[in-house]
Amino acid sequence: MISVDNENFQKQVLDIKTYVIVDYWHEACAPCRVLMPDVEELEKKYETKIQFIKVNTAKARRLAISQKILGLPTIALYQNGEKIDEVIKDEATKKNIEKMIQKYVE
């Protein structure tokens, strides 16, 4: 999974014409750390259809604010540079992330 920040978010997420999953996380967020292996499993399963990115909000605070990330963990789905869906906080489970992916990609 590629880590992005303020410097390369535009190029790695907003300029991409296909689907991109962005895992917004923070090292002090225990649910974020627990969820990360599940997101990495989903990346292996869907890597031919979706690009997976992670953003450490501790290092990209303004970016998170600009993307209206209001709680963690947040897993957001982008298409053609627009956020089209997301799962947040307690809803951010492997099952719900996969449901979101399948709604658009499968």
N, C-alpha and C. Protein backbone atom coordinates (compact mmCIF):
# COMPACT_ATOMS: atom_id res chain seq x y z
N MET A 1 0.85 -1.17 0.00
CA MET A 1 0.00 0.00 0.00
C MET A 1 0.89 1.23 0.00
N ILE A 2 0.59 2.16 -0.86
CA ILE A 2 1.39 3.38 -1.00
C ILE A 2 0.96 4.38 0.07
N SER A 3 1.94 4.98 0.74
CA SER A 3 1.66 6.06 1.69
C SER A 3 1.76 7.39 0.95
N VAL A 4 0.76 8.24 1.13
CA VAL A 4 0.80 9.55 0.50
C VAL A 4 0.60 10.63 1.56
N ASP A 5 0.94 11.85 1.17
CA ASP A 5 0.80 13.00 2.06
C ASP A 5 0.36 14.20 1.23
N ASN A 6 0.51 15.38 1.80
CA ASN A 6 0.10 16.60 1.10
C ASN A 6 0.78 16.75 -0.25
N GLU A 7 2.02 16.32 -0.32
CA GLU A 7 2.83 16.52 -1.53
C GLU A 7 2.35 15.71 -2.73
N ASN A 8 1.90 14.47 -2.49
CA ASN A 8 1.58 13.61 -3.63
C ASN A 8 0.14 13.11 -3.66
N PHE A 9 -0.74 13.63 -2.79
CA PHE A 9 -2.14 13.20 -2.78
C PHE A 9 -2.82 13.51 -4.12
N GLN A 10 -2.59 14.69 -4.64
CA GLN A 10 -3.21 15.07 -5.92
C GLN A 10 -2.85 14.05 -7.01
N LYS A 11 -1.56 13.75 -7.13
CA LYS A 11 -1.09 12.84 -8.18
C LYS A 11 -1.55 11.40 -7.95
N GLN A 12 -1.49 10.93 -6.71
CA GLN A 12 -1.78 9.52 -6.41
C GLN A 12 -3.27 9.21 -6.22
N VAL A 13 -4.09 10.22 -5.95
CA VAL A 13 -5.51 9.97 -5.69
C VAL A 13 -6.40 10.78 -6.64
N LEU A 14 -6.28 12.09 -6.60
CA LEU A 14 -7.22 12.94 -7.34
C LEU A 14 -7.03 12.90 -8.85
N ASP A 15 -5.82 12.66 -9.31
CA ASP A 15 -5.56 12.61 -10.75
C ASP A 15 -5.80 11.22 -11.35
N ILE A 16 -6.09 10.23 -10.54
CA ILE A 16 -6.29 8.86 -11.01
C ILE A 16 -7.70 8.71 -11.56
N LYS A 17 -7.84 8.11 -12.71
CA LYS A 17 -9.14 7.99 -13.37
C LYS A 17 -9.90 6.74 -12.98
N THR A 18 -9.28 5.85 -12.23
CA THR A 18 -9.97 4.64 -11.81
C THR A 18 -10.32 4.76 -10.32
N TYR A 19 -10.64 3.64 -9.71
CA TYR A 19 -11.01 3.63 -8.29
C TYR A 19 -9.76 3.65 -7.40
N VAL A 20 -9.86 4.41 -6.32
CA VAL A 20 -8.79 4.48 -5.33
C VAL A 20 -9.43 4.39 -3.94
N ILE A 21 -8.91 3.47 -3.13
CA ILE A 21 -9.31 3.39 -1.72
C ILE A 21 -8.24 4.13 -0.91
N VAL A 22 -8.69 5.03 -0.04
CA VAL A 22 -7.75 5.74 0.83
C VAL A 22 -8.08 5.38 2.28
N ASP A 23 -7.09 4.83 2.95
CA ASP A 23 -7.19 4.48 4.37
C ASP A 23 -6.60 5.63 5.17
N TYR A 24 -7.47 6.45 5.75
CA TYR A 24 -7.04 7.54 6.62
C TYR A 24 -6.84 6.98 8.02
N TRP A 25 -5.65 7.15 8.57
CA TRP A 25 -5.33 6.57 9.87
C TRP A 25 -4.39 7.48 10.64
N HIS A 26 -4.14 7.11 11.87
CA HIS A 26 -3.23 7.85 12.75
C HIS A 26 -2.60 6.82 13.68
N GLU A 27 -1.31 6.96 13.96
CA GLU A 27 -0.64 5.94 14.78
C GLU A 27 -1.21 5.85 16.19
N ALA A 28 -1.83 6.90 16.71
CA ALA A 28 -2.44 6.86 18.04
C ALA A 28 -3.85 6.27 18.03
N CYS A 29 -4.35 5.90 16.87
CA CYS A 29 -5.70 5.36 16.72
C CYS A 29 -5.63 3.83 16.74
N ALA A 30 -5.97 3.24 17.88
CA ALA A 30 -5.91 1.77 18.00
C ALA A 30 -6.81 1.07 16.99
N PRO A 31 -8.06 1.51 16.77
CA PRO A 31 -8.89 0.84 15.75
C PRO A 31 -8.27 0.92 14.35
N CYS A 32 -7.55 2.00 14.08
CA CYS A 32 -6.89 2.13 12.77
C CYS A 32 -5.83 1.04 12.60
N ARG A 33 -5.04 0.83 13.64
CA ARG A 33 -3.96 -0.18 13.58
C ARG A 33 -4.54 -1.59 13.48
N VAL A 34 -5.66 -1.83 14.16
CA VAL A 34 -6.31 -3.15 14.10
C VAL A 34 -6.87 -3.40 12.70
N LEU A 35 -7.40 -2.36 12.07
CA LEU A 35 -8.04 -2.50 10.76
C LEU A 35 -7.03 -2.65 9.62
N MET A 36 -5.84 -2.12 9.79
CA MET A 36 -4.88 -2.09 8.68
C MET A 36 -4.59 -3.45 8.04
N PRO A 37 -4.40 -4.54 8.79
CA PRO A 37 -4.17 -5.83 8.13
C PRO A 37 -5.37 -6.27 7.27
N ASP A 38 -6.59 -5.94 7.69
CA ASP A 38 -7.76 -6.26 6.88
C ASP A 38 -7.76 -5.48 5.57
N VAL A 39 -7.40 -4.22 5.65
CA VAL A 39 -7.33 -3.40 4.43
C VAL A 39 -6.24 -3.95 3.51
N GLU A 40 -5.13 -4.38 4.07
CA GLU A 40 -4.06 -4.96 3.26
C GLU A 40 -4.51 -6.27 2.60
N GLU A 41 -5.33 -7.07 3.28
CA GLU A 41 -5.89 -8.28 2.66
C GLU A 41 -6.79 -7.91 1.49
N LEU A 42 -7.63 -6.90 1.69
CA LEU A 42 -8.52 -6.47 0.61
C LEU A 42 -7.72 -5.93 -0.57
N GLU A 43 -6.60 -5.30 -0.28
CA GLU A 43 -5.73 -4.80 -1.36
C GLU A 43 -5.25 -5.97 -2.22
N LYS A 44 -4.83 -7.05 -1.59
CA LYS A 44 -4.37 -8.22 -2.35
C LYS A 44 -5.50 -8.78 -3.21
N LYS A 45 -6.70 -8.80 -2.67
CA LYS A 45 -7.86 -9.36 -3.38
C LYS A 45 -8.29 -8.49 -4.56
N TYR A 46 -8.22 -7.17 -4.41
CA TYR A 46 -8.76 -6.25 -5.42
C TYR A 46 -7.69 -5.42 -6.13
N GLU A 47 -6.42 -5.79 -6.00
CA GLU A 47 -5.35 -4.95 -6.52
C GLU A 47 -5.40 -4.72 -8.03
N THR A 48 -6.07 -5.60 -8.77
CA THR A 48 -6.16 -5.39 -10.22
C THR A 48 -7.28 -4.42 -10.58
N LYS A 49 -8.16 -4.10 -9.62
CA LYS A 49 -9.30 -3.23 -9.90
C LYS A 49 -9.25 -1.89 -9.19
N ILE A 50 -8.53 -1.83 -8.07
CA ILE A 50 -8.52 -0.64 -7.24
C ILE A 50 -7.10 -0.38 -6.74
N GLN A 51 -6.72 0.89 -6.72
CA GLN A 51 -5.45 1.26 -6.11
C GLN A 51 -5.71 1.57 -4.64
N PHE A 52 -4.86 1.06 -3.76
CA PHE A 52 -4.99 1.29 -2.32
C PHE A 52 -3.90 2.24 -1.84
N ILE A 53 -4.32 3.23 -1.06
CA ILE A 53 -3.44 4.29 -0.57
C ILE A 53 -3.69 4.42 0.93
N LYS A 54 -2.67 4.81 1.67
CA LYS A 54 -2.91 5.16 3.08
C LYS A 54 -2.36 6.55 3.36
N VAL A 55 -3.08 7.27 4.23
CA VAL A 55 -2.70 8.62 4.61
C VAL A 55 -2.66 8.68 6.13
N ASN A 56 -1.48 8.97 6.66
CA ASN A 56 -1.32 9.17 8.10
C ASN A 56 -1.75 10.61 8.39
N THR A 57 -2.90 10.76 9.04
CA THR A 57 -3.45 12.09 9.27
C THR A 57 -2.59 12.93 10.22
N ALA A 58 -1.73 12.30 10.99
CA ALA A 58 -0.81 13.06 11.85
C ALA A 58 0.18 13.86 11.02
N LYS A 59 0.50 13.34 9.84
CA LYS A 59 1.46 14.01 8.96
C LYS A 59 0.79 14.77 7.83
N ALA A 60 -0.54 14.66 7.73
CA ALA A 60 -1.28 15.30 6.65
C ALA A 60 -2.61 15.85 7.18
N ARG A 61 -2.50 16.63 8.23
CA ARG A 61 -3.70 17.13 8.91
C ARG A 61 -4.57 18.01 8.01
N ARG A 62 -3.95 18.94 7.31
CA ARG A 62 -4.72 19.83 6.42
C ARG A 62 -5.36 19.05 5.27
N LEU A 63 -4.66 18.07 4.79
CA LEU A 63 -5.21 17.21 3.74
C LEU A 63 -6.47 16.52 4.25
N ALA A 64 -6.39 15.94 5.45
CA ALA A 64 -7.56 15.25 6.02
C ALA A 64 -8.72 16.22 6.18
N ILE A 65 -8.45 17.41 6.64
CA ILE A 65 -9.51 18.42 6.80
C ILE A 65 -10.10 18.78 5.45
N SER A 66 -9.26 18.95 4.45
CA SER A 66 -9.75 19.31 3.11
C SER A 66 -10.63 18.21 2.51
N GLN A 67 -10.40 16.97 2.93
CA GLN A 67 -11.19 15.84 2.43
C GLN A 67 -12.37 15.52 3.36
N LYS A 68 -12.60 16.40 4.34
CA LYS A 68 -13.72 16.26 5.29
C LYS A 68 -13.67 14.94 6.06
N ILE A 69 -12.47 14.58 6.51
CA ILE A 69 -12.30 13.40 7.34
C ILE A 69 -12.57 13.83 8.78
N LEU A 70 -13.69 13.38 9.32
CA LEU A 70 -14.15 13.86 10.61
C LEU A 70 -13.90 12.88 11.75
N GLY A 71 -13.52 11.66 11.44
CA GLY A 71 -13.23 10.67 12.46
C GLY A 71 -12.37 9.56 11.89
N LEU A 72 -11.74 8.80 12.76
CA LEU A 72 -10.87 7.71 12.33
C LEU A 72 -11.32 6.41 12.99
N PRO A 73 -11.09 5.30 12.32
CA PRO A 73 -10.59 5.19 10.95
C PRO A 73 -11.65 5.60 9.93
N THR A 74 -11.18 6.09 8.80
CA THR A 74 -12.03 6.38 7.65
C THR A 74 -11.42 5.70 6.44
N ILE A 75 -12.23 4.93 5.75
CA ILE A 75 -11.83 4.31 4.49
C ILE A 75 -12.70 4.95 3.42
N ALA A 76 -12.08 5.71 2.51
CA ALA A 76 -12.82 6.45 1.49
C ALA A 76 -12.54 5.87 0.11
N LEU A 77 -13.58 5.85 -0.71
CA LEU A 77 -13.46 5.38 -2.09
C LEU A 77 -13.58 6.58 -3.02
N TYR A 78 -12.59 6.73 -3.89
CA TYR A 78 -12.56 7.82 -4.87
C TYR A 78 -12.67 7.23 -6.27
N GLN A 79 -13.30 7.99 -7.15
CA GLN A 79 -13.32 7.66 -8.57
C GLN A 79 -13.20 8.96 -9.33
N ASN A 80 -12.31 9.00 -10.30
CA ASN A 80 -12.08 10.20 -11.11
C ASN A 80 -11.85 11.45 -10.24
N GLY A 81 -11.12 11.27 -9.14
CA GLY A 81 -10.77 12.40 -8.30
C GLY A 81 -11.84 12.87 -7.33
N GLU A 82 -12.97 12.18 -7.28
CA GLU A 82 -14.05 12.56 -6.39
C GLU A 82 -14.29 11.47 -5.35
N LYS A 83 -14.48 11.88 -4.10
CA LYS A 83 -14.84 10.90 -3.08
C LYS A 83 -16.29 10.50 -3.32
N ILE A 84 -16.54 9.20 -3.54
CA ILE A 84 -17.89 8.74 -3.86
C ILE A 84 -18.53 7.95 -2.73
N ASP A 85 -17.74 7.49 -1.77
CA ASP A 85 -18.29 6.72 -0.66
C ASP A 85 -17.23 6.61 0.43
N GLU A 86 -17.68 6.25 1.64
CA GLU A 86 -16.74 6.04 2.73
C GLU A 86 -17.41 5.25 3.83
N VAL A 87 -16.57 4.58 4.62
CA VAL A 87 -17.01 3.97 5.87
C VAL A 87 -16.14 4.58 6.95
N ILE A 88 -16.79 4.90 8.09
CA ILE A 88 -16.06 5.61 9.14
C ILE A 88 -16.28 4.98 10.51
N LYS A 89 -15.33 5.22 11.37
CA LYS A 89 -15.36 4.82 12.78
C LYS A 89 -15.80 3.38 12.96
N ASP A 90 -16.87 3.16 13.72
CA ASP A 90 -17.31 1.79 14.03
C ASP A 90 -17.78 1.02 12.80
N GLU A 91 -18.19 1.73 11.75
CA GLU A 91 -18.63 1.08 10.51
C GLU A 91 -17.46 0.60 9.66
N ALA A 92 -16.25 1.03 9.99
CA ALA A 92 -15.06 0.68 9.22
C ALA A 92 -14.58 -0.71 9.62
N THR A 93 -15.25 -1.72 9.06
CA THR A 93 -14.87 -3.11 9.27
C THR A 93 -14.51 -3.71 7.91
N LYS A 94 -13.81 -4.82 7.94
CA LYS A 94 -13.44 -5.48 6.69
C LYS A 94 -14.68 -5.79 5.86
N LYS A 95 -15.72 -6.30 6.52
CA LYS A 95 -16.96 -6.66 5.82
C LYS A 95 -17.59 -5.43 5.16
N ASN A 96 -17.68 -4.33 5.87
CA ASN A 96 -18.29 -3.12 5.32
C ASN A 96 -17.45 -2.48 4.22
N ILE A 97 -16.13 -2.55 4.36
CA ILE A 97 -15.25 -2.03 3.31
C ILE A 97 -15.44 -2.85 2.03
N GLU A 98 -15.49 -4.16 2.19
CA GLU A 98 -15.66 -5.01 1.01
C GLU A 98 -17.03 -4.79 0.37
N LYS A 99 -18.06 -4.59 1.18
CA LYS A 99 -19.39 -4.28 0.62
C LYS A 99 -19.34 -2.99 -0.19
N MET A 100 -18.64 -2.00 0.32
CA MET A 100 -18.52 -0.72 -0.39
C MET A 100 -17.80 -0.94 -1.73
N ILE A 101 -16.73 -1.70 -1.70
CA ILE A 101 -15.98 -1.99 -2.93
C ILE A 101 -16.88 -2.70 -3.93
N GLN A 102 -17.57 -3.72 -3.49
CA GLN A 102 -18.40 -4.51 -4.39
C GLN A 102 -19.56 -3.71 -4.98
N LYS A 103 -20.03 -2.74 -4.24
CA LYS A 103 -21.13 -1.89 -4.74
C LYS A 103 -20.72 -1.16 -6.01
N TYR A 104 -19.44 -0.82 -6.13
CA TYR A 104 -18.97 -0.04 -7.27
C TYR A 104 -18.16 -0.83 -8.28
N VAL A 105 -17.44 -1.82 -7.82
CA VAL A 105 -16.43 -2.44 -8.68
C VAL A 105 -16.86 -3.79 -9.23
N GLU A 106 -17.60 -4.56 -8.46
CA GLU A 106 -17.94 -5.92 -8.90
C GLU A 106 -19.12 -5.92 -9.82
